C-alpha atoms as a PDB file:
ATOM      1  CA  MET A   1       0.079   0.024  -0.401  1.00  0.00           C
ATOM      2  CA  ASP A   2       3.152   2.591   1.036  1.00  0.00           C
ATOM      3  CA  LEU A   3       4.143   1.754  -2.605  1.00  0.00           C
ATOM      4  CA  LEU A   4       1.519   2.533  -4.282  1.00  0.00           C
ATOM      5  CA  ARG A   5       0.601   5.589  -1.944  1.00  0.00           C
ATOM      6  CA  GLY A   6       4.225   6.886  -3.011  1.00  0.00           C
ATOM      7  CA  THR A   7       4.286   6.368  -6.745  1.00  0.00           C
ATOM      8  CA  ALA A   8       0.276   8.203  -6.642  1.00  0.00           C
ATOM      9  CA  VAL A   9       1.770  11.111  -5.041  1.00  0.00           C
ATOM     10  CA  LEU A  10       4.926  11.279  -7.087  1.00  0.00           C
ATOM     11  CA  LEU A  11       2.892  11.549 -10.171  1.00  0.00           C
ATOM     12  CA  VAL A  12       0.600  14.248  -8.701  1.00  0.00           C
ATOM     13  CA  VAL A  13       4.094  16.583  -8.405  1.00  0.00           C
ATOM     14  CA  VAL A  14       4.931  15.270 -11.970  1.00  0.00           C
ATOM     15  CA  LEU A  15       1.599  16.912 -12.804  1.00  0.00           C
ATOM     16  CA  HIS A  16       1.936  20.006 -11.690  1.00  0.00           C
ATOM     17  CA  ALA A  17       5.206  20.636 -12.821  1.00  0.00           C
ATOM     18  CA  ALA A  18       4.090  20.184 -15.996  1.00  0.00           C
ATOM     19  CA  THR A  19       0.935  22.602 -15.402  1.00  0.00           C
ATOM     20  CA  ILE A  20       2.204  25.343 -13.151  1.00  0.00           C
ATOM     21  CA  PRO A  21       4.736  26.112 -16.772  1.00  0.00           C
ATOM     22  CA  ALA A  22       1.697  25.303 -18.567  1.00  0.00           C
ATOM     23  CA  SER A  23      -0.178  28.534 -16.971  1.00  0.00           C
ATOM     24  CA  THR A  24       2.399  30.847 -18.583  1.00  0.00           C
ATOM     25  CA  GLY A  25       2.585  29.478 -21.671  1.00  0.00           C
ATOM     26  CA  ASP A  26       5.783  26.473 -20.665  1.00  0.00           C
ATOM     27  CA  ALA A  27       4.005  23.542 -21.962  1.00  0.00           C
ATOM     28  CA  ILE A  28       5.124  20.529 -23.677  1.00  0.00           C
ATOM     29  CA  ARG A  29       2.587  18.896 -25.429  1.00  0.00           C
ATOM     30  CA  GLU A  30       4.391  14.751 -24.729  1.00  0.00           C
ATOM     31  CA  TRP A  31       4.330  15.791 -21.009  1.00  0.00           C
ATOM     32  CA  VAL A  32       0.554  16.666 -20.950  1.00  0.00           C
ATOM     33  CA  LEU A  33      -0.270  13.511 -22.668  1.00  0.00           C
ATOM     34  CA  ILE A  34       1.266  11.482 -20.011  1.00  0.00           C
ATOM     35  CA  ASN A  35      -0.610  13.180 -17.592  1.00  0.00           C
ATOM     36  CA  ARG A  36      -3.821  12.906 -19.077  1.00  0.00           C
ATOM     37  CA  TYR A  37      -3.031   9.221 -19.608  1.00  0.00           C
ATOM     38  CA  VAL A  38      -2.211   8.408 -16.146  1.00  0.00           C
ATOM     39  CA  GLU A  39      -4.911  11.222 -14.503  1.00  0.00           C
ATOM     40  CA  PRO A  40      -8.168   8.293 -14.519  1.00  0.00           C
ATOM     41  CA  PHE A  41      -6.138   7.089 -11.872  1.00  0.00           C
ATOM     42  CA  ARG A  42      -3.879   9.140 -10.264  1.00  0.00           C
ATOM     43  CA  MET A  43      -6.413  10.573  -7.565  1.00  0.00           C
ATOM     44  CA  PRO A  44      -8.509   7.831  -7.640  1.00  0.00           C
ATOM     45  CA  MET A  45      -5.946   5.406  -6.294  1.00  0.00           C
ATOM     46  CA  LEU A  46      -4.877   7.961  -3.076  1.00  0.00           C
ATOM     47  CA  MET A  47      -8.796   8.164  -2.219  1.00  0.00           C
ATOM     48  CA  LEU A  48      -8.990   4.438  -2.658  1.00  0.00           C
ATOM     49  CA  LEU A  49      -5.682   3.664  -0.696  1.00  0.00           C
ATOM     50  CA  SER A  50      -7.077   6.357   2.160  1.00  0.00           C
ATOM     51  CA  GLY A  51     -10.695   4.422   2.129  1.00  0.00           C
ATOM     52  CA  MET A  52      -9.157   1.137   2.684  1.00  0.00           C
ATOM     53  CA  LEU A  53      -7.909   2.308   6.090  1.00  0.00           C
ATOM     54  CA  LEU A  54     -11.141   3.795   7.243  1.00  0.00           C
ATOM     55  CA  PRO A  55     -12.612   0.652   8.813  1.00  0.00           C
ATOM     56  CA  THR A  56      -9.826  -0.174  10.958  1.00  0.00           C
ATOM     57  CA  SER A  57      -9.866   4.017  11.567  1.00  0.00           C
ATOM     58  CA  LEU A  58     -13.880   3.484  12.500  1.00  0.00           C
ATOM     59  CA  THR A  59     -13.081   1.306  15.786  1.00  0.00           C
ATOM     60  CA  LYS A  60     -11.235   3.952  17.615  1.00  0.00           C
ATOM     61  CA  PRO A  61     -13.596   6.157  19.934  1.00  0.00           C
ATOM     62  CA  THR A  62     -15.558   8.873  18.202  1.00  0.00           C
ATOM     63  CA  ALA A  63     -12.826  11.366  20.669  1.00  0.00           C
ATOM     64  CA  GLN A  64      -9.734   9.531  19.218  1.00  0.00           C
ATOM     65  CA  TYR A  65     -10.769   9.214  15.607  1.00  0.00           C
ATOM     66  CA  LEU A  66     -11.884  12.617  15.519  1.00  0.00           C
ATOM     67  CA  TRP A  67      -8.522  14.089  17.065  1.00  0.00           C
ATOM     68  CA  GLY A  68      -6.584  12.011  14.714  1.00  0.00           C
ATOM     69  CA  LYS A  69      -8.251  13.614  11.731  1.00  0.00           C
ATOM     70  CA  VAL A  70      -7.834  16.756  13.137  1.00  0.00           C
ATOM     71  CA  ALA A  71      -4.208  16.282  14.192  1.00  0.00           C
ATOM     72  CA  GLY A  72      -2.803  14.754  11.067  1.00  0.00           C
ATOM     73  CA  ILE A  73      -4.983  15.786   8.013  1.00  0.00           C
ATOM     74  CA  ALA A  74      -6.886  19.211   8.703  1.00  0.00           C
ATOM     75  CA  TRP A  75      -3.428  20.762  10.558  1.00  0.00           C
ATOM     76  CA  PRO A  76      -1.546  20.213   7.776  1.00  0.00           C
ATOM     77  CA  ALA A  77      -4.057  21.750   5.303  1.00  0.00           C
ATOM     78  CA  ALA A  78      -4.355  24.616   7.663  1.00  0.00           C
ATOM     79  CA  VAL A  79      -0.867  25.313   8.151  1.00  0.00           C
ATOM     80  CA  TRP A  80       0.306  25.408   4.526  1.00  0.00           C
ATOM     81  CA  MET A  81      -2.880  27.280   2.790  1.00  0.00           C
ATOM     82  CA  VAL A  82      -1.450  30.127   5.394  1.00  0.00           C
ATOM     83  CA  LEU A  83       2.314  29.711   4.284  1.00  0.00           C
ATOM     84  CA  TYR A  84       1.753  29.278   0.796  1.00  0.00           C
ATOM     85  CA  GLY A  85      -0.841  31.918   0.988  1.00  0.00           C
ATOM     86  CA  VAL A  86       1.213  34.414   2.781  1.00  0.00           C
ATOM     87  CA  LEU A  87       4.661  33.463   1.262  1.00  0.00           C
ATOM     88  CA  VAL A  88       4.049  32.073  -2.004  1.00  0.00           C
ATOM     89  CA  PHE A  89       0.291  32.821  -3.608  1.00  0.00           C
ATOM     90  CA  ARG A  90       0.064  36.122  -1.536  1.00  0.00           C
ATOM     91  CA  ASN A  91      -3.337  37.406  -0.503  1.00  0.00           C
ATOM     92  CA  GLY A  92      -4.823  34.415  -0.469  1.00  0.00           C
ATOM     93  CA  PRO A  93      -5.591  33.984   3.189  1.00  0.00           C
ATOM     94  CA  GLY A  94      -7.764  36.952   2.843  1.00  0.00           C
ATOM     95  CA  ASP A  95      -9.755  35.873  -0.269  1.00  0.00           C
ATOM     96  CA  PRO A  96     -12.621  33.733   0.917  1.00  0.00           C
ATOM     97  CA  ASP A  97     -13.172  31.534  -2.076  1.00  0.00           C
ATOM     98  CA  TYR A  98      -9.123  30.519  -1.384  1.00  0.00           C
ATOM     99  CA  TRP A  99     -10.187  28.861   1.377  1.00  0.00           C
ATOM    100  CA  LEU A 100     -13.422  27.112   0.372  1.00  0.00           C
ATOM    101  CA  THR A 101     -11.589  25.869  -2.831  1.00  0.00           C
ATOM    102  CA  GLY A 102      -8.683  24.771  -0.983  1.00  0.00           C
ATOM    103  CA  ASP A 103      -6.302  25.255  -4.060  1.00  0.00           C
ATOM    104  CA  TYR A 104      -3.621  22.738  -4.188  1.00  0.00           C
ATOM    105  CA  LEU A 105      -4.883  21.364  -1.122  1.00  0.00           C
ATOM    106  CA  TRP A 106      -8.395  20.335  -2.228  1.00  0.00           C
ATOM    107  CA  PHE A 107      -7.669  16.784  -1.640  1.00  0.00           C
ATOM    108  CA  LEU A 108      -6.940  17.150   2.332  1.00  0.00           C
ATOM    109  CA  LEU A 109      -9.972  19.238   2.539  1.00  0.00           C
ATOM    110  CA  ALA A 110     -12.255  16.500   0.505  1.00  0.00           C
ATOM    111  CA  LEU A 111     -10.314  13.755   2.366  1.00  0.00           C
ATOM    112  CA  THR A 112     -11.329  15.147   5.299  1.00  0.00           C
ATOM    113  CA  ALA A 113     -15.121  15.828   4.602  1.00  0.00           C
ATOM    114  CA  CYS A 114     -15.166  12.016   3.475  1.00  0.00           C
ATOM    115  CA  TYR A 115     -14.241  10.727   7.074  1.00  0.00           C
ATOM    116  CA  LEU A 116     -16.495  13.235   8.972  1.00  0.00           C
ATOM    117  CA  ALA A 117     -18.954  11.407   6.618  1.00  0.00           C
ATOM    118  CA  ALA A 118     -17.790   8.195   7.388  1.00  0.00           C
ATOM    119  CA  LEU A 119     -18.345   9.097  11.211  1.00  0.00           C
ATOM    120  CA  LEU A 120     -21.778   9.949  10.636  1.00  0.00           C
ATOM    121  CA  LEU A 121     -22.832   7.109   8.114  1.00  0.00           C
ATOM    122  CA  ARG A 122     -21.554   4.385  10.329  1.00  0.00           C
ATOM    123  CA  GLY A 123     -23.502   1.392   9.729  1.00  0.00           C
ATOM    124  CA  VAL A 124     -24.794   2.222   6.131  1.00  0.00           C
ATOM    125  CA  PRO A 125     -22.952  -0.231   3.477  1.00  0.00           C
ATOM    126  CA  PHE A 126     -20.134   1.807   1.954  1.00  0.00           C
ATOM    127  CA  VAL A 127     -20.239   0.451  -1.550  1.00  0.00           C
ATOM    128  CA  GLY A 128     -23.932   2.306  -1.709  1.00  0.00           C
ATOM    129  CA  VAL A 129     -22.426   5.442  -0.551  1.00  0.00           C
ATOM    130  CA  ALA A 130     -20.359   5.418  -3.189  1.00  0.00           C
ATOM    131  CA  ALA A 131     -22.633   4.589  -5.802  1.00  0.00           C
ATOM    132  CA  ALA A 132     -24.893   7.552  -4.546  1.00  0.00           C
ATOM    133  CA  MET A 133     -22.016  10.103  -4.519  1.00  0.00           C
ATOM    134  CA  LEU A 134     -21.199   9.037  -8.340  1.00  0.00           C
ATOM    135  CA  VAL A 135     -25.300   9.380  -9.211  1.00  0.00           C
ATOM    136  CA  VAL A 136     -25.473  12.952  -7.291  1.00  0.00           C
ATOM    137  CA  VAL A 137     -22.280  14.061  -8.871  1.00  0.00           C
ATOM    138  CA  THR A 138     -22.818  12.997 -12.555  1.00  0.00           C
ATOM    139  CA  SER A 139     -26.689  13.660 -12.739  1.00  0.00           C
ATOM    140  CA  VAL A 140     -27.202  16.680 -10.213  1.00  0.00           C
ATOM    141  CA  ASP A 141     -26.245  20.159 -11.222  1.00  0.00           C
ATOM    142  CA  VAL A 142     -23.569  20.085  -8.107  1.00  0.00           C
ATOM    143  CA  PRO A 143     -21.465  23.399  -7.465  1.00  0.00           C
ATOM    144  CA  GLY A 144     -18.164  23.321  -9.081  1.00  0.00           C
ATOM    145  CA  GLY A 145     -14.775  23.107  -7.371  1.00  0.00           C
ATOM    146  CA  LEU A 146     -14.422  21.273  -3.777  1.00  0.00           C
ATOM    147  CA  ALA A 147     -17.862  20.030  -3.887  1.00  0.00           C
ATOM    148  CA  THR A 148     -17.205  18.260  -6.854  1.00  0.00           C
ATOM    149  CA  LYS A 149     -14.191  16.569  -6.226  1.00  0.00           C
ATOM    150  CA  THR A 150     -15.064  15.385  -2.830  1.00  0.00           C
ATOM    151  CA  LEU A 151     -18.191  13.831  -4.333  1.00  0.00           C
ATOM    152  CA  TYR A 152     -16.787  11.966  -7.193  1.00  0.00           C
ATOM    153  CA  TYR A 153     -13.064  11.278  -5.392  1.00  0.00           C
ATOM    154  CA  GLY A 154     -14.776  10.928  -2.203  1.00  0.00           C
ATOM    155  CA  ALA A 155     -16.696   8.059  -3.908  1.00  0.00           C
ATOM    156  CA  PHE A 156     -13.044   5.941  -4.501  1.00  0.00           C
ATOM    157  CA  PHE A 157     -12.983   6.331  -1.324  1.00  0.00           C
ATOM    158  CA  PHE A 158     -16.056   4.709   0.360  1.00  0.00           C
ATOM    159  CA  LEU A 159     -15.294   2.111  -2.771  1.00  0.00           C
ATOM    160  CA  GLY A 160     -12.005   1.473  -0.952  1.00  0.00           C
ATOM    161  CA  ALA A 161     -13.928   1.505   2.306  1.00  0.00           C
ATOM    162  CA  GLY A 162     -16.596  -0.894   1.492  1.00  0.00           C
ATOM    163  CA  LEU A 163     -14.511  -3.481  -0.708  1.00  0.00           C
ATOM    164  CA  GLY A 164     -10.894  -3.152   0.588  1.00  0.00           C
ATOM    165  CA  HIS A 165     -11.257  -6.368   2.608  1.00  0.00           C
ATOM    166  CA  LEU A 166     -11.567  -8.104  -0.939  1.00  0.00           C
ATOM    167  CA  VAL A 167      -7.979  -7.069  -2.371  1.00  0.00           C
ATOM    168  CA  PRO A 168      -6.270 -10.279  -1.043  1.00  0.00           C
ATOM    169  CA  ARG A 169      -8.752 -12.163  -2.817  1.00  0.00           C
ATOM    170  CA  TRP A 170      -8.215 -10.175  -6.036  1.00  0.00           C
ATOM    171  CA  VAL A 171      -4.991  -9.929  -6.049  1.00  0.00           C
ATOM    172  CA  ARG A 172      -5.032 -14.448  -6.531  1.00  0.00           C
ATOM    173  CA  ALA A 173      -7.080 -14.028  -9.576  1.00  0.00           C
ATOM    174  CA  PRO A 174      -5.742 -15.410 -12.925  1.00  0.00           C
ATOM    175  CA  TRP A 175      -3.514 -13.732 -14.857  1.00  0.00           C
ATOM    176  CA  PRO A 176      -5.653 -13.425 -18.305  1.00  0.00           C
ATOM    177  CA  VAL A 177      -8.308 -11.965 -16.613  1.00  0.00           C
ATOM    178  CA  VAL A 178      -6.122  -9.270 -15.165  1.00  0.00           C
ATOM    179  CA  ALA A 179      -4.455  -8.650 -18.809  1.00  0.00           C
ATOM    180  CA  LEU A 180      -8.160  -8.599 -20.537  1.00  0.00           C
ATOM    181  CA  LEU A 181      -8.587  -5.641 -17.962  1.00  0.00           C
ATOM    182  CA  GLY A 182      -5.281  -4.351 -18.654  1.00  0.00           C
ATOM    183  CA  VAL A 183      -5.683  -4.251 -22.132  1.00  0.00           C
ATOM    184  CA  ALA A 184      -9.041  -2.481 -21.987  1.00  0.00           C
ATOM    185  CA  ALA A 185      -7.967   0.204 -19.142  1.00  0.00           C
ATOM    186  CA  ALA A 186      -5.317   1.196 -21.435  1.00  0.00           C
ATOM    187  CA  VAL A 187      -7.067   1.231 -24.588  1.00  0.00           C
ATOM    188  CA  LEU A 188     -10.275   3.443 -22.754  1.00  0.00           C
ATOM    189  CA  SER A 189      -7.320   5.577 -21.187  1.00  0.00           C
ATOM    190  CA  HIS A 190      -5.948   6.653 -24.738  1.00  0.00           C
ATOM    191  CA  LEU A 191      -9.308   7.555 -26.226  1.00  0.00           C
ATOM    192  CA  GLY A 192      -9.631   9.697 -23.256  1.00  0.00           C
ATOM    193  CA  LEU A 193      -6.418  11.841 -24.219  1.00  0.00           C
ATOM    194  CA  GLU A 194      -8.790  13.768 -25.897  1.00  0.00           C
ATOM    195  CA  ASP A 195     -11.830  13.488 -24.470  1.00  0.00           C
ATOM    196  CA  GLN A 196     -12.484  14.678 -20.800  1.00  0.00           C
ATOM    197  CA  ARG A 197     -15.298  12.895 -20.367  1.00  0.00           C
ATOM    198  CA  LEU A 198     -13.564   9.296 -20.298  1.00  0.00           C
ATOM    199  CA  ARG A 199     -11.019  11.284 -17.416  1.00  0.00           C
ATOM    200  CA  LEU A 200     -12.749  12.896 -14.953  1.00  0.00           C
ATOM    201  CA  GLY A 201     -16.699  13.653 -13.250  1.00  0.00           C
ATOM    202  CA  THR A 202     -18.614  10.841 -15.493  1.00  0.00           C
ATOM    203  CA  LEU A 203     -19.694   7.293 -14.688  1.00  0.00           C
ATOM    204  CA  GLU A 204     -17.729   6.653 -18.003  1.00  0.00           C
ATOM    205  CA  ALA A 205     -14.378   8.195 -16.270  1.00  0.00           C
ATOM    206  CA  ALA A 206     -15.241   6.219 -12.932  1.00  0.00           C
ATOM    207  CA  GLY A 207     -15.810   3.072 -14.642  1.00  0.00           C
ATOM    208  CA  ILE A 208     -12.392   3.105 -16.528  1.00  0.00           C
ATOM    209  CA  SER A 209     -10.643   3.969 -13.203  1.00  0.00           C
ATOM    210  CA  VAL A 210     -11.958   1.212 -11.680  1.00  0.00           C
ATOM    211  CA  LEU A 211     -10.552  -1.083 -14.275  1.00  0.00           C
ATOM    212  CA  GLY A 212      -7.148   0.921 -14.058  1.00  0.00           C
ATOM    213  CA  LEU A 213      -7.334   0.497 -10.030  1.00  0.00           C
ATOM    214  CA  LEU A 214      -7.887  -3.528 -10.250  1.00  0.00           C
ATOM    215  CA  VAL A 215      -4.857  -3.934 -12.363  1.00  0.00           C
ATOM    216  CA  ILE A 216      -2.492  -1.957 -10.626  1.00  0.00           C
ATOM    217  CA  LEU A 217      -3.673  -3.644  -6.842  1.00  0.00           C
ATOM    218  CA  TRP A 218      -3.013  -7.112  -8.754  1.00  0.00           C
ATOM    219  CA  VAL A 219       0.396  -5.951 -10.028  1.00  0.00           C
ATOM    220  CA  ALA A 220       1.583  -4.424  -6.916  1.00  0.00           C
ATOM    221  CA  PRO A 221       2.421  -7.577  -5.197  1.00  0.00           C
ATOM    222  CA  ARG A 222       4.357  -8.533  -7.933  1.00  0.00           C
ATOM    223  CA  LEU A 223       6.832  -6.148  -8.248  1.00  0.00           C
ATOM    224  CA  PRO A 224      10.281  -6.970  -7.610  1.00  0.00           C
ATOM    225  CA  VAL A 225      11.187  -5.941  -4.274  1.00  0.00           C
ATOM    226  CA  GLY A 226      14.810  -3.884  -4.634  1.00  0.00           C
ATOM    227  CA  GLY A 227      15.808  -0.336  -4.146  1.00  0.00           C
ATOM    228  CA  ALA A 228      13.166   1.718  -6.540  1.00  0.00           C
ATOM    229  CA  ALA A 229      10.496  -0.042  -4.292  1.00  0.00           C
ATOM    230  CA  ARG A 230      12.306   0.702  -1.377  1.00  0.00           C
ATOM    231  CA  PHE A 231      12.247   4.113  -2.223  1.00  0.00           C
ATOM    232  CA  LEU A 232       8.232   4.378  -3.196  1.00  0.00           C
ATOM    233  CA  ARG A 233       7.583   3.061  -0.158  1.00  0.00           C
ATOM    234  CA  TRP A 234       9.438   5.424   2.012  1.00  0.00           C
ATOM    235  CA  VAL A 235       7.738   8.081   0.442  1.00  0.00           C
ATOM    236  CA  GLY A 236       4.503   6.813   0.373  1.00  0.00           C
ATOM    237  CA  ARG A 237       5.094   6.943   4.442  1.00  0.00           C
ATOM    238  CA  SER A 238       5.664  10.549   4.269  1.00  0.00           C
ATOM    239  CA  SER A 239       2.920  11.086   1.464  1.00  0.00           C
ATOM    240  CA  ILE A 240       1.703  13.935   3.703  1.00  0.00           C
ATOM    241  CA  VAL A 241       4.882  15.693   3.418  1.00  0.00           C
ATOM    242  CA  VAL A 242       5.029  15.222  -0.497  1.00  0.00           C
ATOM    243  CA  TYR A 243       1.311  16.316  -1.163  1.00  0.00           C
ATOM    244  CA  VAL A 244       1.370  19.677   0.848  1.00  0.00           C
ATOM    245  CA  ALA A 245       5.136  20.935   0.381  1.00  0.00           C
ATOM    246  CA  HIS A 246       5.349  20.298  -3.101  1.00  0.00           C
ATOM    247  CA  PHE A 247       3.438  23.025  -4.900  1.00  0.00           C
ATOM    248  CA  PRO A 248       4.817  25.827  -3.244  1.00  0.00           C
ATOM    249  CA  LEU A 249       8.701  24.428  -4.254  1.00  0.00           C
ATOM    250  CA  LEU A 250       7.150  23.872  -7.730  1.00  0.00           C
ATOM    251  CA  VAL A 251       5.917  27.412  -8.300  1.00  0.00           C
ATOM    252  CA  LEU A 252       9.134  29.187  -6.499  1.00  0.00           C
ATOM    253  CA  VAL A 253      11.619  26.770  -9.108  1.00  0.00           C
ATOM    254  CA  HIS A 254       9.220  27.927 -11.714  1.00  0.00           C
ATOM    255  CA  ARG A 255       9.623  31.653 -11.417  1.00  0.00           C
ATOM    256  CA  GLY A 256      12.934  31.072 -11.470  1.00  0.00           C
ATOM    257  CA  LEU A 257      13.466  29.561 -14.636  1.00  0.00           C
ATOM    258  CA  GLU A 258      10.932  31.733 -15.741  1.00  0.00           C
ATOM    259  CA  ARG A 259      13.226  34.976 -15.105  1.00  0.00           C
ATOM    260  CA  LEU A 260      16.179  33.168 -16.605  1.00  0.00           C
ATOM    261  CA  GLY A 261      14.142  32.835 -19.988  1.00  0.00           C
ATOM    262  CA  ALA A 262      14.358  29.032 -20.276  1.00  0.00           C
ATOM    263  CA  ASP A 263      12.632  27.244 -23.019  1.00  0.00           C
ATOM    264  CA  PRO A 264       9.676  24.995 -22.664  1.00  0.00           C
ATOM    265  CA  PHE A 265      11.243  21.860 -22.735  1.00  0.00           C
ATOM    266  CA  TRP A 266      14.292  23.188 -20.209  1.00  0.00           C
ATOM    267  CA  HIS A 267      11.495  25.111 -18.094  1.00  0.00           C
ATOM    268  CA  VAL A 268       9.225  21.524 -17.794  1.00  0.00           C
ATOM    269  CA  THR A 269      12.256  19.155 -17.566  1.00  0.00           C
ATOM    270  CA  LEU A 270      14.095  21.469 -15.147  1.00  0.00           C
ATOM    271  CA  THR A 271      10.724  22.234 -12.931  1.00  0.00           C
ATOM    272  CA  THR A 272       9.860  18.718 -12.707  1.00  0.00           C
ATOM    273  CA  VAL A 273      13.647  17.289 -11.748  1.00  0.00           C
ATOM    274  CA  VAL A 274      14.409  20.373  -9.033  1.00  0.00           C
ATOM    275  CA  GLY A 275      11.220  19.900  -7.939  1.00  0.00           C
ATOM    276  CA  LEU A 276      10.885  16.313  -7.246  1.00  0.00           C
ATOM    277  CA  ALA A 277      14.313  16.640  -5.576  1.00  0.00           C
ATOM    278  CA  LEU A 278      13.476  19.371  -3.064  1.00  0.00           C
ATOM    279  CA  THR A 279      10.133  17.533  -2.110  1.00  0.00           C
ATOM    280  CA  VAL A 280      12.078  14.460  -1.525  1.00  0.00           C
ATOM    281  CA  LEU A 281      15.002  16.878   0.836  1.00  0.00           C
ATOM    282  CA  MET A 282      11.765  17.698   2.496  1.00  0.00           C
ATOM    283  CA  VAL A 283      10.609  14.010   3.465  1.00  0.00           C
ATOM    284  CA  ARG A 284      14.139  13.943   4.928  1.00  0.00           C
ATOM    285  CA  LEU A 285      13.974  17.388   6.512  1.00  0.00           C
ATOM    286  CA  ARG A 286      10.527  15.916   8.006  1.00  0.00           C
ATOM    287  CA  PRO A 287      11.621  15.171  11.865  1.00  0.00           C
ATOM    288  CA  ARG A 288      13.410  18.190  12.077  1.00  0.00           C
ATOM    289  CA  MET A 289      10.001  20.114  11.484  1.00  0.00           C
ATOM    290  CA  PRO A 290       7.277  17.787  12.853  1.00  0.00           C
ATOM    291  CA  TRP A 291       4.494  20.263  12.836  1.00  0.00           C
ATOM    292  CA  LEU A 292       4.673  21.404   9.684  1.00  0.00           C
ATOM    293  CA  TYR A 293       2.980  17.723   9.103  1.00  0.00           C
ATOM    294  CA  VAL A 294       1.180  17.023  12.328  1.00  0.00           C
ATOM    295  CA  ALA A 295      -0.198  19.051  15.084  1.00  0.00           C
ATOM    296  CA  PRO A 296       1.935  19.883  17.612  1.00  0.00           C
ATOM    297  CA  GLY A 297       1.351  17.167  20.786  1.00  0.00           C
ATOM    298  CA  ALA A 298      -0.483  14.987  18.899  1.00  0.00           C
ATOM    299  CA  ALA A 299       0.791  11.745  20.241  1.00  0.00           C
ATOM    300  CA  ARG A 300       0.104  13.275  23.832  1.00  0.00           C
ATOM    301  CA  ILE A 301      -3.383  14.465  23.330  1.00  0.00           C
ATOM    302  CA  ALA A 302      -4.169  11.343  21.660  1.00  0.00           C
ATOM    303  CA  GLY A 303      -2.694   9.423  24.355  1.00  0.00           C
ATOM    304  CA  ARG A 304      -4.773  10.816  27.309  1.00  0.00           C
ATOM    305  CA  LEU A 305      -8.181  10.119  25.405  1.00  0.00           C
ATOM    306  CA  ARG A 306      -6.754   6.619  24.632  1.00  0.00           C
ATOM    307  CA  ALA A 307      -6.544   6.360  28.258  1.00  0.00           C
ATOM    308  CA  ARG A 308      -9.545   8.341  29.576  1.00  0.00           C
ATOM    309  CA  THR A 309     -11.320   5.359  27.307  1.00  0.00           C
ATOM    310  CA  GLU A 310      -9.931   2.919  28.707  1.00  0.00           C
ATOM    311  CA  ALA A 311     -10.479   4.116  32.291  1.00  0.00           C
ATOM    312  CA  ARG A 312     -14.185   4.309  31.708  1.00  0.00           C
ATOM    313  CA  ALA A 313     -14.428   0.534  30.431  1.00  0.00           C
ATOM    314  CA  GLY A 314     -12.377  -0.074  33.800  1.00  0.00           C
ATOM    315  CA  ALA A 315     -14.882   1.380  35.673  1.00  0.00           C
ATOM    316  CA  SER A 316     -17.859  -0.032  33.834  1.00  0.00           C
ATOM    317  CA  THR A 317     -16.586  -3.042  33.887  1.00  0.00           C
ATOM    318  CA  GLY A 318     -15.589  -3.036  37.617  1.00  0.00           C
ATOM    319  CA  ALA A 319     -19.267  -1.801  38.060  1.00  0.00           C
ATOM    320  CA  ARG A 320     -20.874  -4.488  36.390  1.00  0.00           C
ATOM    321  CA  THR A 321     -18.505  -7.263  38.413  1.00  0.00           C
ATOM    322  CA  GLY A 322     -19.056  -5.846  41.665  1.00  0.00           C
ATOM    323  CA  ALA A 323     -22.797  -5.498  41.039  1.00  0.00           C
ATOM    324  CA  SER A 324     -22.644  -9.519  39.847  1.00  0.00           C
ATOM    325  CA  THR A 325     -20.840 -10.605  42.651  1.00  0.00           C
ATOM    326  CA  GLY A 326     -23.115  -9.011  45.075  1.00  0.00           C
ATOM    327  CA  ALA A 327     -26.107 -10.231  43.663  1.00  0.00           C
ATOM    328  CA  SER A 328     -24.587 -14.015  43.922  1.00  0.00           C
ATOM    329  CA  THR A 329     -23.225 -13.639  47.271  1.00  0.00           C
ATOM    330  CA  GLY A 330     -25.879 -11.982  48.714  1.00  0.00           C
ATOM    331  CA  ALA A 331     -24.137  -9.132  49.768  1.00  0.00           C
ATOM    332  CA  PRO A 332     -25.791  -5.503  49.630  1.00  0.00           C
ATOM    333  CA  THR A 333     -25.203  -3.632  45.909  1.00  0.00           C
ATOM    334  CA  ASN A 334     -24.756  -0.219  45.435  1.00  0.00           C
ATOM    335  CA  ALA A 335     -28.723  -0.317  44.621  1.00  0.00           C
ATOM    336  CA  ASP A 336     -29.842  -1.944  47.807  1.00  0.00           C
ATOM    337  CA  VAL A 337     -27.917   0.299  49.722  1.00  0.00           C
ATOM    338  CA  ARG A 338     -29.737   3.830  47.815  1.00  0.00           C
ATOM    339  CA  ALA A 339     -33.028   1.924  48.645  1.00  0.00           C
ATOM    340  CA  ALA A 340     -32.234   1.257  52.267  1.00  0.00           C
ATOM    341  CA  ARG A 341     -31.546   5.177  52.240  1.00  0.00           C
END
């Protein structure tokens, strides 16, 4: 799972390394096409993987569950929206739309919304939730931006939550079946290069994404264990660092190259290479600046919440045991004492 998460989040960096220069006219068509080719699978994979962790998260008491999402998702989103808005984008924090859309951090806001919805919908079949979200976003006039992204990509989150337990069985599927799905996904993804409806926001695009994700989930455990795989797993374990830090770094690299007057090929290539290098450096520096990625004191607060829950559970167990013992031995129980008074 870490390998897939690391791969997907690095593909996000590669995407923005091309789209940021393209915003000022420095685009490379081949780079654009590559990004379009993987578009049906990149963000759906990140959402699916997050959703697969949901059942385990929901076993925690509500306070611990909520604090975990605030400390590990909402906090870095807020910190980096301020940092990016003040130091790079400028004037962003003063614009309500900046906060409502989430800018490049929309994924974390959408993910937070999905976790909150999951808490409210606990007990509802998550596959049904995923289907409902897709139906709404593809058939109802939903306001654009964050709401649309949350509904569309959130469907993959709940799909992962509802069907994630079947992945161990799926990876044992016969290879001819997977090969057939892979060919179908490749052909449809190729057709989507010039048709956005096959890449994003439609039932057809969602179907293509599911085909590709099935193939990727089957292939991942069969990849050789080597330096590249270890690197991707390492990146995947710090995917939050890559996601929040990469965009400001890419913008700064882009601005420097723009001042130098680099031609489009070198502009995009250097933005990609230097941006990836700086982002990986931020992962290595994570232990020195933990507050950028998780709320200060998160572990201490989580420990207190856990201890409080355990204390309540212990008190409840003790009360039940005492009442049972009193009743069986004829000794007066608390209720007997209160009645005597």
